[in-house]
Structure formats: C-alpha cells, structure tokens
C-alpha cells in the first residue's frame, strides 16, 4: 500500500522533487530565484530533479522547468 504524503502544499511556494530510490524528497522555496538555484544545484551534482512549480492552492502554475544557466 502506498504511503500518503505527510504534508500539505503551501500556497505561493515553489516545489521541486529529488527523485531517489527508495524515497523521493520534496523541497519548497518561497522565492523563485531560491528555488531555481536549488534546482540547478541538484542538477549540477548529478541528481534527478523534477520541477513541480508554484502551488496556487489547487494546481501547480509556472510548471515549466527553469533553463540551466551557463554562467560558471
């Protein structure tokens, strides 16, 4: 039986999920810039990351994954 998530999404927060076996980790950030930095950081260290987007209370908006920056 699948376990239910143990939290509710917060309205106006950006979410991303680190896909890992056996557990996925869902992170949130208040600001888009911070969420984008976290997303790019996990991509850079080789993790598989899913960008969920901004939760508006009913669905995810801004669900398109940010483009990886090329600035080094």
Protein backbone atom coordinates (compact mmCIF):
# COMPACT_ATOMS: atom_id res chain seq x y z
CA UNK A 1 0.00 0.00 0.00
CA UNK A 2 1.33 3.42 -0.93
CA UNK A 3 2.02 5.84 1.87
CA UNK A 4 0.36 9.25 1.69
CA UNK A 5 2.44 12.40 1.78
CA UNK A 6 2.75 13.79 5.30
CA UNK A 7 2.26 17.48 4.48
CA UNK A 8 0.07 19.95 2.62
CA UNK A 9 1.39 22.16 -0.14
CA UNK A 10 1.73 25.82 0.84
CA UNK A 11 0.06 28.39 -1.39
CA UNK A 12 2.55 30.59 -3.22
CA UNK A 13 5.58 28.32 -2.66
CA UNK A 14 7.76 26.75 -5.35
CA UNK A 15 8.25 22.98 -5.18
CA UNK A 16 10.77 20.54 -6.62
CA UNK A 17 11.27 16.84 -6.04
CA UNK A 18 14.57 15.00 -5.84
CA UNK A 19 13.89 11.57 -7.33
CA UNK A 20 15.86 8.94 -5.45
CA UNK A 21 15.41 5.30 -4.57
CA UNK A 22 13.66 4.28 -2.32
CA UNK A 23 12.29 7.69 -1.31
CA UNK A 24 11.66 10.92 -3.17
CA UNK A 25 12.35 14.17 -1.34
CA UNK A 26 10.09 17.18 -1.96
CA UNK A 27 11.57 20.61 -1.26
CA UNK A 28 9.95 24.03 -1.22
CA UNK A 29 11.28 27.54 -1.53
CA UNK A 30 9.41 30.80 -1.04
CA UNK A 31 11.16 32.76 -3.80
CA UNK A 32 11.53 31.65 -7.40
CA UNK A 33 15.21 32.63 -7.50
CA UNK A 34 15.99 30.42 -4.50
CA UNK A 35 14.02 27.53 -5.99
CA UNK A 36 15.85 27.90 -9.29
CA UNK A 37 19.24 27.91 -7.51
CA UNK A 38 18.31 24.75 -5.61
CA UNK A 39 17.11 23.07 -8.82
CA UNK A 40 20.33 23.94 -10.66
CA UNK A 41 22.46 22.85 -7.69
CA UNK A 42 20.94 19.37 -7.58
CA UNK A 43 21.23 19.01 -11.35
CA UNK A 44 24.92 20.05 -11.13
CA UNK A 45 25.73 17.37 -8.56
CA UNK A 46 24.07 14.70 -10.67
CA UNK A 47 20.69 14.23 -9.00
CA UNK A 48 17.50 13.63 -10.94
CA UNK A 49 15.20 16.53 -10.10
CA UNK A 50 11.59 17.25 -11.11
CA UNK A 51 10.42 20.87 -11.11
CA UNK A 52 6.83 20.98 -9.88
CA UNK A 53 6.29 24.75 -9.98
CA UNK A 54 4.37 27.24 -7.88
CA UNK A 55 1.37 25.94 -5.92
CA UNK A 56 -1.67 28.23 -6.22
CA UNK A 57 -3.89 26.25 -3.87
CA UNK A 58 -5.41 23.93 -6.48
CA UNK A 59 -2.70 23.16 -9.04
CA UNK A 60 0.88 23.93 -9.99
CA UNK A 61 1.47 27.00 -12.12
CA UNK A 62 4.81 28.05 -13.62
CA UNK A 63 5.41 24.33 -14.05
CA UNK A 64 7.97 24.70 -16.83
CA UNK A 65 11.42 23.76 -15.52
CA UNK A 66 13.89 26.67 -15.42
CA UNK A 67 16.63 26.74 -18.04
CA UNK A 68 20.02 25.74 -16.71
CA UNK A 69 22.26 28.77 -16.53
CA UNK A 70 25.58 28.57 -18.34
CA UNK A 71 27.35 31.09 -16.10
CA UNK A 72 30.27 29.46 -14.33
